[in-house]
N, C-alpha and C. Protein backbone atom coordinates (compact mmCIF):
# COMPACT_ATOMS: atom_id res chain seq x y z
N MET A 1 -5.29 15.47 27.38
CA MET A 1 -4.25 14.45 27.29
C MET A 1 -3.07 14.86 28.15
N GLU A 2 -2.57 13.93 28.99
CA GLU A 2 -1.46 14.26 29.87
C GLU A 2 -0.22 14.61 29.05
N GLU A 3 0.66 15.40 29.66
CA GLU A 3 1.80 15.97 28.93
C GLU A 3 2.70 14.91 28.29
N LYS A 4 3.05 13.86 29.03
CA LYS A 4 3.95 12.84 28.50
C LYS A 4 3.31 12.11 27.32
N LYS A 5 2.03 11.78 27.46
CA LYS A 5 1.34 11.09 26.37
C LYS A 5 1.25 11.99 25.14
N MET A 6 0.98 13.27 25.35
CA MET A 6 0.92 14.21 24.24
C MET A 6 2.26 14.28 23.52
N GLU A 7 3.34 14.29 24.28
CA GLU A 7 4.68 14.33 23.72
C GLU A 7 4.94 13.09 22.85
N ILE A 8 4.53 11.92 23.36
CA ILE A 8 4.71 10.67 22.62
C ILE A 8 3.88 10.67 21.34
N VAL A 9 2.62 11.07 21.45
CA VAL A 9 1.73 11.08 20.27
C VAL A 9 2.24 12.07 19.23
N LYS A 10 2.67 13.23 19.65
CA LYS A 10 3.19 14.24 18.72
C LYS A 10 4.42 13.71 17.98
N SER A 11 5.32 13.08 18.71
CA SER A 11 6.53 12.53 18.08
C SER A 11 6.19 11.35 17.18
N ALA A 12 5.24 10.51 17.62
CA ALA A 12 4.82 9.36 16.82
C ALA A 12 4.21 9.82 15.50
N LEU A 13 3.43 10.90 15.54
CA LEU A 13 2.81 11.43 14.33
C LEU A 13 3.89 11.84 13.33
N GLU A 14 4.95 12.46 13.81
CA GLU A 14 6.06 12.86 12.94
C GLU A 14 6.72 11.65 12.31
N VAL A 15 6.86 10.56 13.07
CA VAL A 15 7.46 9.33 12.55
C VAL A 15 6.58 8.73 11.45
N TYR A 16 5.28 8.66 11.71
CA TYR A 16 4.36 8.11 10.70
C TYR A 16 4.33 8.97 9.44
N MET A 17 4.37 10.28 9.60
CA MET A 17 4.37 11.18 8.45
C MET A 17 5.60 10.94 7.58
N LYS A 18 6.71 10.62 8.22
CA LYS A 18 7.97 10.45 7.50
C LYS A 18 8.11 9.07 6.86
N PHE A 19 7.67 8.01 7.59
CA PHE A 19 7.92 6.65 7.13
C PHE A 19 6.68 5.87 6.70
N GLY A 20 5.49 6.42 6.92
CA GLY A 20 4.27 5.65 6.70
C GLY A 20 3.89 4.92 7.97
N ILE A 21 2.82 4.16 7.93
CA ILE A 21 2.30 3.51 9.14
C ILE A 21 2.64 2.02 9.19
N LYS A 22 2.37 1.30 8.13
CA LYS A 22 2.56 -0.15 8.13
C LYS A 22 3.99 -0.55 8.46
N SER A 23 4.94 0.19 7.91
CA SER A 23 6.35 -0.19 8.06
C SER A 23 6.91 0.07 9.45
N VAL A 24 6.19 0.84 10.27
CA VAL A 24 6.70 1.20 11.61
C VAL A 24 6.03 0.32 12.67
N THR A 25 6.76 -0.68 13.15
CA THR A 25 6.25 -1.53 14.22
C THR A 25 6.33 -0.77 15.55
N MET A 26 5.72 -1.30 16.57
CA MET A 26 5.79 -0.66 17.89
C MET A 26 7.23 -0.71 18.43
N ASP A 27 7.97 -1.76 18.10
CA ASP A 27 9.40 -1.82 18.48
C ASP A 27 10.17 -0.69 17.83
N GLU A 28 9.91 -0.50 16.52
CA GLU A 28 10.61 0.56 15.78
C GLU A 28 10.17 1.93 16.27
N MET A 29 8.88 2.07 16.60
CA MET A 29 8.40 3.35 17.10
C MET A 29 9.09 3.70 18.42
N ALA A 30 9.21 2.72 19.31
CA ALA A 30 9.88 2.95 20.59
C ALA A 30 11.32 3.40 20.35
N ARG A 31 11.98 2.74 19.38
CA ARG A 31 13.37 3.11 19.07
C ARG A 31 13.45 4.53 18.51
N GLN A 32 12.53 4.87 17.62
CA GLN A 32 12.51 6.21 17.02
C GLN A 32 12.26 7.29 18.07
N LEU A 33 11.42 6.97 19.06
CA LEU A 33 11.08 7.95 20.09
C LEU A 33 12.08 7.98 21.23
N GLY A 34 12.98 6.99 21.27
CA GLY A 34 13.97 6.95 22.33
C GLY A 34 13.39 6.56 23.68
N VAL A 35 12.34 5.70 23.65
CA VAL A 35 11.73 5.21 24.89
C VAL A 35 11.65 3.69 24.81
N SER A 36 11.40 3.05 25.93
CA SER A 36 11.22 1.60 25.92
C SER A 36 9.82 1.26 25.41
N LYS A 37 9.65 0.05 24.90
CA LYS A 37 8.33 -0.36 24.43
C LYS A 37 7.35 -0.40 25.62
N LYS A 38 7.87 -0.72 26.80
CA LYS A 38 7.04 -0.74 28.00
C LYS A 38 6.46 0.65 28.27
N THR A 39 7.28 1.67 28.12
CA THR A 39 6.83 3.05 28.31
C THR A 39 5.74 3.41 27.29
N LEU A 40 5.95 2.95 26.06
CA LEU A 40 4.97 3.22 25.00
C LEU A 40 3.61 2.62 25.36
N TYR A 41 3.65 1.38 25.88
CA TYR A 41 2.39 0.69 26.20
C TYR A 41 1.73 1.19 27.49
N ILE A 42 2.43 2.00 28.25
CA ILE A 42 1.81 2.64 29.41
C ILE A 42 0.77 3.66 28.93
N HIS A 43 1.06 4.28 27.80
CA HIS A 43 0.24 5.39 27.31
C HIS A 43 -0.78 4.98 26.25
N VAL A 44 -0.49 3.90 25.51
CA VAL A 44 -1.45 3.42 24.50
C VAL A 44 -1.60 1.92 24.61
N ARG A 45 -2.79 1.44 24.30
CA ARG A 45 -3.09 0.01 24.44
C ARG A 45 -2.38 -0.81 23.36
N ASP A 46 -2.37 -0.30 22.13
CA ASP A 46 -1.77 -1.01 21.01
C ASP A 46 -1.49 -0.02 19.88
N LYS A 47 -1.01 -0.53 18.75
CA LYS A 47 -0.68 0.34 17.62
C LYS A 47 -1.92 1.06 17.09
N ASN A 48 -3.04 0.37 17.06
CA ASN A 48 -4.26 1.00 16.54
C ASN A 48 -4.65 2.22 17.37
N GLU A 49 -4.51 2.12 18.70
CA GLU A 49 -4.83 3.27 19.54
C GLU A 49 -3.83 4.40 19.31
N LEU A 50 -2.57 4.06 19.11
CA LEU A 50 -1.56 5.09 18.84
C LEU A 50 -1.89 5.80 17.53
N VAL A 51 -2.24 5.03 16.51
CA VAL A 51 -2.62 5.62 15.22
C VAL A 51 -3.84 6.53 15.40
N GLU A 52 -4.83 6.07 16.17
CA GLU A 52 -6.04 6.87 16.41
C GLU A 52 -5.71 8.18 17.10
N GLN A 53 -4.85 8.13 18.11
CA GLN A 53 -4.45 9.35 18.83
C GLN A 53 -3.68 10.30 17.91
N CYS A 54 -2.86 9.73 17.02
CA CYS A 54 -2.13 10.56 16.06
C CYS A 54 -3.08 11.25 15.09
N LEU A 55 -4.10 10.53 14.65
CA LEU A 55 -5.10 11.11 13.75
C LEU A 55 -5.85 12.26 14.42
N LEU A 56 -6.24 12.05 15.67
CA LEU A 56 -6.96 13.10 16.40
C LEU A 56 -6.09 14.35 16.55
N LEU A 57 -4.80 14.14 16.84
CA LEU A 57 -3.89 15.27 16.98
C LEU A 57 -3.71 15.98 15.65
N ASP A 58 -3.56 15.21 14.57
CA ASP A 58 -3.38 15.79 13.24
C ASP A 58 -4.61 16.60 12.83
N HIS A 59 -5.81 16.07 13.12
CA HIS A 59 -7.04 16.79 12.79
C HIS A 59 -7.14 18.09 13.60
N SER A 60 -6.78 18.03 14.88
CA SER A 60 -6.82 19.23 15.73
C SER A 60 -5.87 20.29 15.21
N CYS A 61 -4.68 19.86 14.77
CA CYS A 61 -3.69 20.80 14.23
C CYS A 61 -4.21 21.43 12.94
N ALA A 62 -4.88 20.61 12.10
CA ALA A 62 -5.42 21.13 10.83
C ALA A 62 -6.49 22.18 11.09
N ILE A 63 -7.37 21.91 12.04
CA ILE A 63 -8.44 22.87 12.37
C ILE A 63 -7.84 24.14 12.97
N GLU A 64 -6.85 23.97 13.83
CA GLU A 64 -6.18 25.13 14.43
C GLU A 64 -5.52 25.99 13.35
N GLY A 65 -4.89 25.32 12.36
CA GLY A 65 -4.25 26.04 11.27
C GLY A 65 -5.26 26.82 10.45
N MET A 66 -6.41 26.20 10.17
CA MET A 66 -7.46 26.88 9.42
C MET A 66 -8.01 28.06 10.21
N ASP A 67 -8.21 27.88 11.51
CA ASP A 67 -8.77 28.95 12.34
C ASP A 67 -7.83 30.15 12.42
N CYS A 68 -6.52 29.89 12.39
CA CYS A 68 -5.54 30.99 12.38
C CYS A 68 -5.69 31.81 11.10
N ILE A 69 -5.97 31.13 9.99
CA ILE A 69 -6.19 31.82 8.72
C ILE A 69 -7.47 32.65 8.78
N PHE A 70 -8.54 32.07 9.31
CA PHE A 70 -9.82 32.78 9.40
C PHE A 70 -9.73 34.00 10.30
N ALA A 71 -8.81 33.98 11.26
CA ALA A 71 -8.69 35.09 12.21
C ALA A 71 -7.93 36.28 11.64
N GLN A 72 -7.43 36.17 10.41
CA GLN A 72 -6.60 37.23 9.84
C GLN A 72 -7.40 38.37 9.20
N GLY A 73 -8.72 38.19 9.09
CA GLY A 73 -9.55 39.25 8.52
C GLY A 73 -9.45 39.39 7.01
N LEU A 74 -9.14 38.29 6.32
CA LEU A 74 -9.03 38.31 4.86
C LEU A 74 -10.42 38.20 4.24
N ASN A 75 -10.53 38.53 2.94
CA ASN A 75 -11.80 38.26 2.28
C ASN A 75 -11.87 36.76 1.97
N ALA A 76 -13.03 36.29 1.52
CA ALA A 76 -13.25 34.86 1.37
C ALA A 76 -12.31 34.22 0.35
N ILE A 77 -12.01 34.93 -0.75
CA ILE A 77 -11.10 34.40 -1.78
C ILE A 77 -9.70 34.26 -1.20
N GLU A 78 -9.25 35.29 -0.49
CA GLU A 78 -7.92 35.24 0.13
C GLU A 78 -7.85 34.12 1.16
N GLU A 79 -8.92 33.97 1.93
CA GLU A 79 -8.98 32.88 2.92
C GLU A 79 -8.81 31.53 2.24
N LEU A 80 -9.56 31.34 1.16
CA LEU A 80 -9.52 30.06 0.46
C LEU A 80 -8.14 29.80 -0.13
N LEU A 81 -7.49 30.83 -0.64
CA LEU A 81 -6.14 30.68 -1.18
C LEU A 81 -5.16 30.29 -0.08
N GLU A 82 -5.29 30.95 1.08
CA GLU A 82 -4.39 30.63 2.19
C GLU A 82 -4.62 29.21 2.70
N ILE A 83 -5.89 28.79 2.73
CA ILE A 83 -6.20 27.41 3.14
C ILE A 83 -5.61 26.43 2.12
N GLY A 84 -5.71 26.79 0.83
CA GLY A 84 -5.13 25.96 -0.21
C GLY A 84 -3.63 25.80 -0.04
N ARG A 85 -2.94 26.91 0.23
CA ARG A 85 -1.49 26.85 0.47
C ARG A 85 -1.17 25.96 1.67
N TYR A 86 -1.98 26.14 2.72
CA TYR A 86 -1.76 25.36 3.95
C TYR A 86 -1.94 23.86 3.68
N MET A 87 -3.00 23.51 2.94
CA MET A 87 -3.27 22.11 2.65
C MET A 87 -2.19 21.50 1.76
N VAL A 88 -1.76 22.23 0.74
CA VAL A 88 -0.72 21.72 -0.17
C VAL A 88 0.58 21.48 0.59
N LYS A 89 0.94 22.43 1.46
CA LYS A 89 2.15 22.27 2.27
C LYS A 89 2.04 21.08 3.20
N THR A 90 0.88 20.92 3.84
CA THR A 90 0.66 19.82 4.77
C THR A 90 0.68 18.47 4.06
N LEU A 91 -0.04 18.37 2.95
CA LEU A 91 -0.12 17.11 2.22
C LEU A 91 1.22 16.74 1.60
N GLY A 92 2.00 17.76 1.21
CA GLY A 92 3.31 17.51 0.62
C GLY A 92 4.29 16.89 1.59
N ALA A 93 4.02 17.04 2.90
CA ALA A 93 4.94 16.52 3.92
C ALA A 93 4.55 15.12 4.40
N ILE A 94 3.46 14.57 3.85
CA ILE A 94 2.97 13.27 4.30
C ILE A 94 3.51 12.14 3.44
N HIS A 95 3.93 11.06 4.07
CA HIS A 95 4.40 9.89 3.33
C HIS A 95 3.26 9.38 2.44
N PRO A 96 3.55 9.08 1.16
CA PRO A 96 2.48 8.72 0.22
C PRO A 96 1.68 7.46 0.57
N SER A 97 2.22 6.58 1.41
CA SER A 97 1.51 5.34 1.73
C SER A 97 0.51 5.49 2.88
N ILE A 98 0.52 6.63 3.55
CA ILE A 98 -0.26 6.77 4.78
C ILE A 98 -1.76 6.51 4.57
N PHE A 99 -2.34 7.08 3.55
CA PHE A 99 -3.79 6.96 3.36
C PHE A 99 -4.18 5.52 3.02
N PHE A 100 -3.33 4.84 2.24
CA PHE A 100 -3.57 3.42 1.94
C PHE A 100 -3.45 2.59 3.21
N ASP A 101 -2.39 2.86 4.00
CA ASP A 101 -2.17 2.13 5.25
C ASP A 101 -3.34 2.28 6.21
N LEU A 102 -3.86 3.49 6.31
CA LEU A 102 -4.98 3.74 7.21
C LEU A 102 -6.22 2.94 6.79
N ALA A 103 -6.54 3.01 5.50
CA ALA A 103 -7.74 2.34 5.01
C ALA A 103 -7.64 0.82 5.12
N LYS A 104 -6.44 0.27 4.90
CA LYS A 104 -6.29 -1.18 4.88
C LYS A 104 -6.02 -1.79 6.24
N TYR A 105 -5.15 -1.14 7.04
CA TYR A 105 -4.69 -1.75 8.27
C TYR A 105 -5.28 -1.14 9.55
N HIS A 106 -5.84 0.07 9.44
CA HIS A 106 -6.40 0.72 10.63
C HIS A 106 -7.75 1.37 10.32
N PRO A 107 -8.68 0.61 9.72
CA PRO A 107 -9.98 1.20 9.36
C PRO A 107 -10.78 1.67 10.57
N SER A 108 -10.64 0.99 11.72
CA SER A 108 -11.40 1.40 12.90
C SER A 108 -10.92 2.75 13.43
N ALA A 109 -9.60 2.95 13.41
CA ALA A 109 -9.04 4.24 13.85
C ALA A 109 -9.48 5.35 12.89
N LEU A 110 -9.46 5.03 11.61
CA LEU A 110 -9.86 6.01 10.60
C LEU A 110 -11.33 6.38 10.76
N LYS A 111 -12.17 5.38 10.94
CA LYS A 111 -13.61 5.60 11.06
C LYS A 111 -13.95 6.39 12.32
N SER A 112 -13.29 6.08 13.43
CA SER A 112 -13.62 6.72 14.71
C SER A 112 -13.24 8.20 14.74
N THR A 113 -12.29 8.60 13.90
CA THR A 113 -11.86 10.00 13.90
C THR A 113 -12.42 10.80 12.74
N GLN A 114 -12.97 10.11 11.74
CA GLN A 114 -13.41 10.79 10.52
C GLN A 114 -14.56 11.77 10.75
N LYS A 115 -15.54 11.40 11.56
CA LYS A 115 -16.71 12.28 11.76
C LYS A 115 -16.29 13.59 12.41
N HIS A 116 -15.38 13.51 13.39
CA HIS A 116 -14.87 14.71 14.06
C HIS A 116 -14.26 15.65 13.04
N LYS A 117 -13.39 15.10 12.17
CA LYS A 117 -12.73 15.91 11.15
C LYS A 117 -13.75 16.45 10.15
N TYR A 118 -14.63 15.58 9.69
CA TYR A 118 -15.59 15.95 8.65
C TYR A 118 -16.48 17.10 9.11
N ASP A 119 -17.05 16.98 10.31
CA ASP A 119 -17.98 18.00 10.81
C ASP A 119 -17.28 19.35 11.01
N ALA A 120 -16.07 19.30 11.59
CA ALA A 120 -15.34 20.54 11.87
C ALA A 120 -14.92 21.25 10.59
N MET A 121 -14.41 20.50 9.62
CA MET A 121 -13.95 21.12 8.38
C MET A 121 -15.12 21.59 7.52
N ARG A 122 -16.22 20.82 7.49
CA ARG A 122 -17.37 21.21 6.68
C ARG A 122 -18.00 22.50 7.21
N GLU A 123 -18.02 22.63 8.54
CA GLU A 123 -18.55 23.87 9.14
C GLU A 123 -17.75 25.08 8.67
N ARG A 124 -16.45 24.94 8.58
CA ARG A 124 -15.60 26.05 8.17
C ARG A 124 -15.73 26.35 6.68
N ILE A 125 -15.94 25.32 5.89
CA ILE A 125 -16.18 25.52 4.46
C ILE A 125 -17.49 26.27 4.25
N VAL A 126 -18.53 25.88 4.98
CA VAL A 126 -19.83 26.56 4.90
C VAL A 126 -19.67 28.03 5.28
N ASN A 127 -18.93 28.31 6.35
CA ASN A 127 -18.73 29.70 6.78
C ASN A 127 -18.03 30.52 5.70
N ASN A 128 -17.03 29.91 5.05
CA ASN A 128 -16.31 30.62 3.99
C ASN A 128 -17.22 30.88 2.80
N LEU A 129 -18.05 29.91 2.43
CA LEU A 129 -18.97 30.10 1.31
C LEU A 129 -19.98 31.21 1.59
N ASN A 130 -20.54 31.20 2.79
CA ASN A 130 -21.50 32.26 3.17
C ASN A 130 -20.83 33.63 3.19
N LYS A 131 -19.61 33.67 3.69
CA LYS A 131 -18.86 34.94 3.74
C LYS A 131 -18.60 35.46 2.32
N GLY A 132 -18.19 34.54 1.43
CA GLY A 132 -17.89 34.94 0.06
C GLY A 132 -19.11 35.46 -0.68
N MET A 133 -20.27 34.85 -0.43
CA MET A 133 -21.51 35.35 -1.06
C MET A 133 -21.87 36.72 -0.52
N ALA A 134 -21.70 36.91 0.79
CA ALA A 134 -22.02 38.21 1.40
C ALA A 134 -21.08 39.30 0.88
N GLU A 135 -19.84 38.95 0.58
CA GLU A 135 -18.86 39.92 0.08
C GLU A 135 -18.99 40.13 -1.43
N GLY A 136 -19.73 39.25 -2.09
CA GLY A 136 -19.90 39.37 -3.54
C GLY A 136 -18.76 38.77 -4.35
N VAL A 137 -17.83 38.05 -3.69
CA VAL A 137 -16.72 37.45 -4.43
C VAL A 137 -17.04 36.01 -4.87
N TYR A 138 -18.14 35.45 -4.33
CA TYR A 138 -18.64 34.16 -4.79
C TYR A 138 -19.99 34.37 -5.47
N ARG A 139 -20.37 33.46 -6.34
CA ARG A 139 -21.67 33.53 -6.98
C ARG A 139 -22.77 33.55 -5.91
N ASP A 140 -23.83 34.30 -6.14
CA ASP A 140 -24.86 34.46 -5.11
C ASP A 140 -25.89 33.33 -5.08
N ASN A 141 -25.74 32.35 -5.99
CA ASN A 141 -26.71 31.25 -6.04
C ASN A 141 -26.10 29.91 -5.58
N LEU A 142 -25.02 29.99 -4.82
CA LEU A 142 -24.39 28.77 -4.30
C LEU A 142 -25.28 28.14 -3.22
N THR A 143 -25.17 26.84 -3.06
CA THR A 143 -25.85 26.13 -1.96
C THR A 143 -24.76 25.54 -1.06
N PRO A 144 -24.38 26.26 0.02
CA PRO A 144 -23.27 25.83 0.87
C PRO A 144 -23.40 24.41 1.41
N GLY A 145 -24.64 23.99 1.75
CA GLY A 145 -24.83 22.66 2.29
C GLY A 145 -24.41 21.56 1.33
N ILE A 146 -24.66 21.80 0.03
CA ILE A 146 -24.27 20.82 -1.00
C ILE A 146 -22.78 20.95 -1.32
N LEU A 147 -22.33 22.18 -1.59
CA LEU A 147 -20.94 22.40 -1.98
C LEU A 147 -19.95 21.94 -0.92
N SER A 148 -20.29 22.15 0.35
CA SER A 148 -19.37 21.75 1.42
C SER A 148 -19.22 20.23 1.45
N ARG A 149 -20.32 19.52 1.18
CA ARG A 149 -20.26 18.05 1.15
C ARG A 149 -19.49 17.56 -0.07
N LEU A 150 -19.68 18.22 -1.22
CA LEU A 150 -18.91 17.86 -2.41
C LEU A 150 -17.43 18.11 -2.18
N HIS A 151 -17.12 19.22 -1.53
CA HIS A 151 -15.74 19.58 -1.22
C HIS A 151 -15.09 18.50 -0.36
N MET A 152 -15.76 18.13 0.73
CA MET A 152 -15.22 17.12 1.64
C MET A 152 -15.14 15.75 0.97
N GLY A 153 -16.14 15.42 0.14
CA GLY A 153 -16.13 14.15 -0.56
C GLY A 153 -14.96 14.04 -1.52
N THR A 154 -14.66 15.15 -2.20
CA THR A 154 -13.52 15.16 -3.13
C THR A 154 -12.21 15.02 -2.38
N ILE A 155 -12.08 15.71 -1.25
CA ILE A 155 -10.86 15.59 -0.45
C ILE A 155 -10.67 14.14 0.01
N ASP A 156 -11.75 13.50 0.45
CA ASP A 156 -11.66 12.09 0.87
C ASP A 156 -11.21 11.20 -0.29
N MET A 157 -11.72 11.48 -1.50
CA MET A 157 -11.31 10.71 -2.67
C MET A 157 -9.83 10.90 -2.95
N ILE A 158 -9.37 12.14 -2.83
CA ILE A 158 -7.96 12.44 -3.07
C ILE A 158 -7.08 11.71 -2.06
N MET A 159 -7.48 11.76 -0.79
CA MET A 159 -6.70 11.11 0.27
C MET A 159 -6.61 9.60 0.08
N SER A 160 -7.68 9.01 -0.43
CA SER A 160 -7.71 7.55 -0.58
C SER A 160 -7.12 7.11 -1.92
N SER A 161 -6.66 8.07 -2.72
CA SER A 161 -6.07 7.80 -4.05
C SER A 161 -7.09 7.21 -5.02
N GLU A 162 -8.39 7.38 -4.75
CA GLU A 162 -9.40 6.88 -5.66
C GLU A 162 -9.50 7.76 -6.91
N ALA A 163 -9.26 9.04 -6.76
CA ALA A 163 -9.38 9.96 -7.89
C ALA A 163 -8.22 9.79 -8.85
N VAL A 164 -7.01 9.87 -8.33
CA VAL A 164 -5.80 9.72 -9.12
C VAL A 164 -4.83 8.84 -8.32
N PRO A 165 -4.36 7.73 -8.90
CA PRO A 165 -3.45 6.83 -8.17
C PRO A 165 -2.20 7.56 -7.68
N SER A 166 -1.80 7.28 -6.44
CA SER A 166 -0.66 7.96 -5.84
C SER A 166 0.66 7.64 -6.53
N ASN A 167 0.70 6.56 -7.32
CA ASN A 167 1.94 6.25 -8.03
C ASN A 167 2.07 7.06 -9.32
N GLU A 168 1.03 7.84 -9.66
CA GLU A 168 1.08 8.70 -10.83
C GLU A 168 1.32 10.17 -10.46
N PHE A 169 0.64 10.62 -9.41
CA PHE A 169 0.78 12.01 -8.97
C PHE A 169 0.82 12.08 -7.46
N ARG A 170 1.54 13.06 -6.92
CA ARG A 170 1.57 13.27 -5.48
C ARG A 170 0.22 13.81 -5.01
N VAL A 171 -0.12 13.52 -3.75
CA VAL A 171 -1.40 13.97 -3.19
C VAL A 171 -1.50 15.49 -3.22
N ASP A 172 -0.42 16.20 -2.91
CA ASP A 172 -0.47 17.66 -2.89
C ASP A 172 -0.68 18.23 -4.29
N GLU A 173 -0.16 17.55 -5.33
CA GLU A 173 -0.39 17.99 -6.71
C GLU A 173 -1.86 17.85 -7.08
N VAL A 174 -2.45 16.72 -6.70
CA VAL A 174 -3.86 16.47 -7.01
C VAL A 174 -4.74 17.49 -6.31
N TYR A 175 -4.45 17.75 -5.02
CA TYR A 175 -5.25 18.72 -4.27
C TYR A 175 -5.13 20.11 -4.90
N SER A 176 -3.93 20.47 -5.32
CA SER A 176 -3.70 21.79 -5.91
C SER A 176 -4.54 21.98 -7.18
N GLU A 177 -4.63 20.93 -8.02
CA GLU A 177 -5.45 21.00 -9.22
C GLU A 177 -6.93 21.13 -8.87
N PHE A 178 -7.36 20.30 -7.90
CA PHE A 178 -8.76 20.38 -7.46
C PHE A 178 -9.07 21.77 -6.93
N PHE A 179 -8.17 22.34 -6.15
CA PHE A 179 -8.40 23.64 -5.54
C PHE A 179 -8.61 24.73 -6.59
N ARG A 180 -7.75 24.74 -7.62
CA ARG A 180 -7.88 25.75 -8.68
C ARG A 180 -9.20 25.57 -9.45
N TYR A 181 -9.55 24.32 -9.67
CA TYR A 181 -10.82 24.00 -10.35
C TYR A 181 -12.01 24.49 -9.51
N HIS A 182 -11.95 24.23 -8.20
CA HIS A 182 -13.04 24.57 -7.29
C HIS A 182 -13.22 26.09 -7.18
N ILE A 183 -12.14 26.81 -6.97
CA ILE A 183 -12.25 28.25 -6.70
C ILE A 183 -12.78 29.00 -7.92
N ARG A 184 -12.42 28.54 -9.12
CA ARG A 184 -12.95 29.20 -10.32
C ARG A 184 -14.41 28.86 -10.55
N GLY A 185 -14.86 27.74 -10.01
CA GLY A 185 -16.25 27.35 -10.16
C GLY A 185 -17.21 28.12 -9.26
N ILE A 186 -16.72 28.60 -8.12
CA ILE A 186 -17.60 29.28 -7.18
C ILE A 186 -17.45 30.81 -7.21
N ALA A 187 -16.38 31.31 -7.84
CA ALA A 187 -16.13 32.75 -7.83
C ALA A 187 -17.09 33.51 -8.74
N SER A 188 -17.49 34.69 -8.29
CA SER A 188 -18.29 35.60 -9.12
C SER A 188 -17.32 36.36 -10.05
N LYS A 189 -17.88 37.23 -10.89
CA LYS A 189 -17.01 38.05 -11.75
C LYS A 189 -16.06 38.89 -10.90
N LYS A 190 -16.61 39.47 -9.81
CA LYS A 190 -15.78 40.25 -8.89
C LYS A 190 -14.70 39.37 -8.26
N GLY A 191 -15.09 38.16 -7.89
CA GLY A 191 -14.14 37.24 -7.27
C GLY A 191 -13.05 36.82 -8.23
N LEU A 192 -13.39 36.61 -9.51
CA LEU A 192 -12.39 36.23 -10.51
C LEU A 192 -11.38 37.36 -10.73
N GLU A 193 -11.88 38.59 -10.68
CA GLU A 193 -10.97 39.74 -10.80
C GLU A 193 -10.01 39.79 -9.62
N CYS A 194 -10.57 39.55 -8.44
CA CYS A 194 -9.74 39.51 -7.23
C CYS A 194 -8.70 38.40 -7.34
N LEU A 195 -9.13 37.24 -7.84
CA LEU A 195 -8.24 36.09 -7.99
C LEU A 195 -7.12 36.39 -8.98
N LYS A 196 -7.47 37.02 -10.11
CA LYS A 196 -6.46 37.37 -11.11
C LYS A 196 -5.41 38.30 -10.52
N GLU A 197 -5.87 39.26 -9.71
CA GLU A 197 -4.95 40.21 -9.09
C GLU A 197 -4.01 39.50 -8.12
N LEU A 198 -4.58 38.59 -7.33
CA LEU A 198 -3.76 37.84 -6.38
C LEU A 198 -2.74 36.97 -7.11
N ILE A 199 -3.16 36.33 -8.20
CA ILE A 199 -2.25 35.48 -8.98
C ILE A 199 -1.15 36.34 -9.60
N HIS A 200 -1.54 37.53 -10.11
CA HIS A 200 -0.56 38.44 -10.73
C HIS A 200 0.51 38.86 -9.73
N ASN A 201 0.09 39.03 -8.47
CA ASN A 201 1.03 39.49 -7.43
C ASN A 201 1.80 38.37 -6.77
N ASP A 202 1.45 37.12 -7.07
CA ASP A 202 2.12 35.99 -6.44
C ASP A 202 2.34 34.88 -7.48
N GLU A 203 3.56 34.75 -7.96
CA GLU A 203 3.87 33.78 -9.02
C GLU A 203 3.68 32.33 -8.59
N ASN A 204 3.55 32.10 -7.28
CA ASN A 204 3.40 30.73 -6.78
C ASN A 204 1.96 30.22 -6.85
N LEU A 205 0.99 31.12 -7.16
CA LEU A 205 -0.41 30.71 -7.22
C LEU A 205 -0.73 30.07 -8.56
């Protein structure tokens, strides 16, 4: 992506995260970015394409964030905890209407970017599950192919507010509960001991 377009998409993503998608017209987006609407349309065909480019950038940033965690040499439980912290922080910064707006007003943009996100994130979940079994911190009878799909399916439910309505609980709160439920379900006795020690040393867990 050319530098100017990347700059516009990055700034547009920040605007959508703050205000939601439906409420931000292309006129308002141009005003927020400090550019003319003509300049905006040089780089994107319409609002749907801008939303699609923002989604692709957001997914790339999420994968990059996860890969930075994996590169730290942590054990699988620590990795999962760090990913959980990263996800809660990320989801907490998102406007609550975004997932509804995407599903209702930009389904084509959502659909075109979902497979890229799904495949990349599921691959990393599988790697973490295999690593945890090899280290003995996860149960040795897990089936990564199934669990990774259940994991991704639950995240999709959370994002779409199908699991818990967004007017009752924040998305980051719901994810945090799911995460604690998930990690205790896959941990071995050794992993639970490791988890208890980590929780004891960090009051935020």
